[in-house]
Protein backbone atom coordinates (compact mmCIF):
# COMPACT_ATOMS: atom_id res chain seq x y z
CA MET A 1 -165.68 -14.58 -9.86
CA SER A 2 -163.05 -16.65 -11.56
CA ASN A 3 -160.88 -19.32 -9.91
CA ASP A 4 -157.87 -18.14 -11.94
CA ALA A 5 -157.03 -15.51 -9.32
CA LEU A 6 -156.25 -18.21 -6.75
CA PHE A 7 -153.37 -19.78 -8.65
CA ALA A 8 -149.81 -18.53 -8.41
CA PRO A 9 -148.34 -17.16 -11.63
CA LYS A 10 -146.11 -19.50 -13.57
CA ALA A 11 -142.40 -18.79 -13.76
CA THR A 12 -141.32 -17.58 -17.19
CA GLY A 13 -137.84 -19.07 -17.01
CA ASP A 14 -135.58 -20.93 -14.64
CA LYS A 15 -132.24 -19.55 -13.59
CA THR A 16 -129.26 -21.19 -15.17
CA SER A 17 -126.45 -22.59 -13.08
CA LYS A 18 -124.32 -19.56 -14.01
CA ASP A 19 -126.98 -17.17 -12.66
CA LYS A 20 -127.15 -19.09 -9.39
CA LEU A 21 -123.37 -18.84 -8.85
CA GLU A 22 -123.06 -15.09 -9.47
CA PRO A 23 -123.62 -12.97 -6.36
CA SER A 24 -126.34 -10.40 -6.51
CA GLN A 25 -125.08 -6.87 -6.79
CA GLY A 26 -125.77 -4.57 -3.86
CA GLN A 27 -126.45 -0.87 -3.96
CA ILE A 28 -122.92 0.14 -2.98
CA SER A 29 -121.47 -2.20 -5.62
CA ARG A 30 -123.60 -0.50 -8.24
CA ILE A 31 -122.12 2.88 -7.28
CA ILE A 32 -118.42 2.09 -6.81
CA GLY A 33 -118.02 -1.24 -8.57
CA SER A 34 -116.42 -4.35 -7.13
CA GLY A 35 -112.95 -5.71 -6.55
CA GLU A 36 -110.10 -3.69 -8.08
CA ASN A 37 -112.57 -1.23 -9.59
CA ALA A 38 -114.02 -0.45 -6.16
CA GLN A 39 -110.57 0.33 -4.72
CA ASN A 40 -109.76 2.72 -7.55
CA SER A 41 -113.22 4.26 -7.52
CA ILE A 42 -112.98 5.13 -3.83
CA VAL A 43 -109.64 6.84 -4.38
CA TYR A 44 -110.92 8.83 -7.37
CA LYS A 45 -114.01 9.87 -5.42
CA THR A 46 -111.79 10.94 -2.50
CA ILE A 47 -109.75 13.15 -4.83
CA ALA A 48 -112.88 14.65 -6.41
CA TRP A 49 -114.54 15.36 -3.06
CA SER A 50 -111.34 16.87 -1.69
CA PHE A 51 -111.09 19.26 -4.64
CA LEU A 52 -114.75 20.18 -4.40
CA SER A 53 -114.57 20.70 -0.64
CA GLY A 54 -111.40 22.77 -0.96
CA VAL A 55 -112.97 25.02 -3.58
CA LEU A 56 -116.17 25.36 -1.56
CA PHE A 57 -114.41 26.23 1.70
CA SER A 58 -111.97 28.55 -0.10
CA SER A 59 -114.82 30.49 -1.66
CA ILE A 60 -116.62 30.73 1.69
CA VAL A 61 -113.48 31.94 3.47
CA PHE A 62 -112.63 34.37 0.66
CA GLY A 63 -116.18 35.75 0.68
CA TYR A 64 -116.12 36.18 4.43
CA ILE A 65 -112.72 37.89 4.43
CA ALA A 66 -113.66 40.13 1.50
CA TYR A 67 -116.99 41.06 3.12
CA SER A 68 -115.59 41.77 6.58
CA GLY A 69 -112.32 43.32 5.40
CA ASN A 70 -110.35 41.66 8.20
CA GLY A 71 -107.20 39.68 7.54
CA ASN A 72 -105.39 38.51 4.46
CA PRO A 73 -107.48 36.28 2.15
CA VAL A 74 -104.41 34.55 0.68
CA ASP A 75 -103.25 33.31 4.10
CA SER A 76 -106.75 32.08 4.91
CA ILE A 77 -107.05 30.21 1.62
CA LYS A 78 -103.61 28.65 2.16
CA SER A 79 -104.75 27.39 5.55
CA VAL A 80 -107.87 25.86 3.97
CA TRP A 81 -105.85 24.05 1.32
CA SER A 82 -103.34 22.83 3.90
CA ILE A 83 -106.11 20.49 5.03
CA PHE A 84 -107.05 19.08 1.63
CA VAL A 85 -103.68 18.90 -0.18
CA PRO A 86 -102.32 16.05 2.02
CA VAL A 87 -105.44 13.98 1.33
CA ILE A 88 -105.13 14.57 -2.41
CA THR A 89 -101.40 13.77 -2.50
CA LEU A 90 -101.93 10.65 -0.39
CA SER A 91 -104.60 9.45 -2.81
CA LEU A 92 -102.43 10.19 -5.85
CA GLY A 93 -99.53 8.38 -4.20
CA TYR A 94 -101.77 5.35 -3.70
CA ILE A 95 -102.86 5.36 -7.34
CA PHE A 96 -99.41 5.78 -8.87
CA GLY A 97 -97.45 3.88 -6.25
CA LYS A 98 -99.32 0.58 -6.39
CA THR A 99 -97.18 -2.42 -7.30
CA LYS A 100 -98.58 -5.51 -8.87
C-alpha cells in the first residue's frame, strides 16, 4: 500500500482575477441567456410555444369535431386561436415596440 493515496491532488492552475470576478452561469442562464438576451429569448419562446399550442389544440379540436360530426370545426378552431392570438400579438408588440 502506497502513501500517495493519502495526499490531495495538486491544482493544475489557479484562477485568474478575471475568472474570479465573472459569475458562474446557472442552468437557466445556459438555456435563455442573460441580460438583454434573456428578455428577448423569453419573448421568442413565448411566441413559439403559443404557435405550437395553438396548432396542437386546433388539431385536437378539429379531430374531435370531425370524428363526432357535431358542430362547425371552423368556429371551434377560431375559438381556440382567440386564446393564443392575443399572447402572440402582445409578444410581437413588446419586441417591435421597445424603445432604447
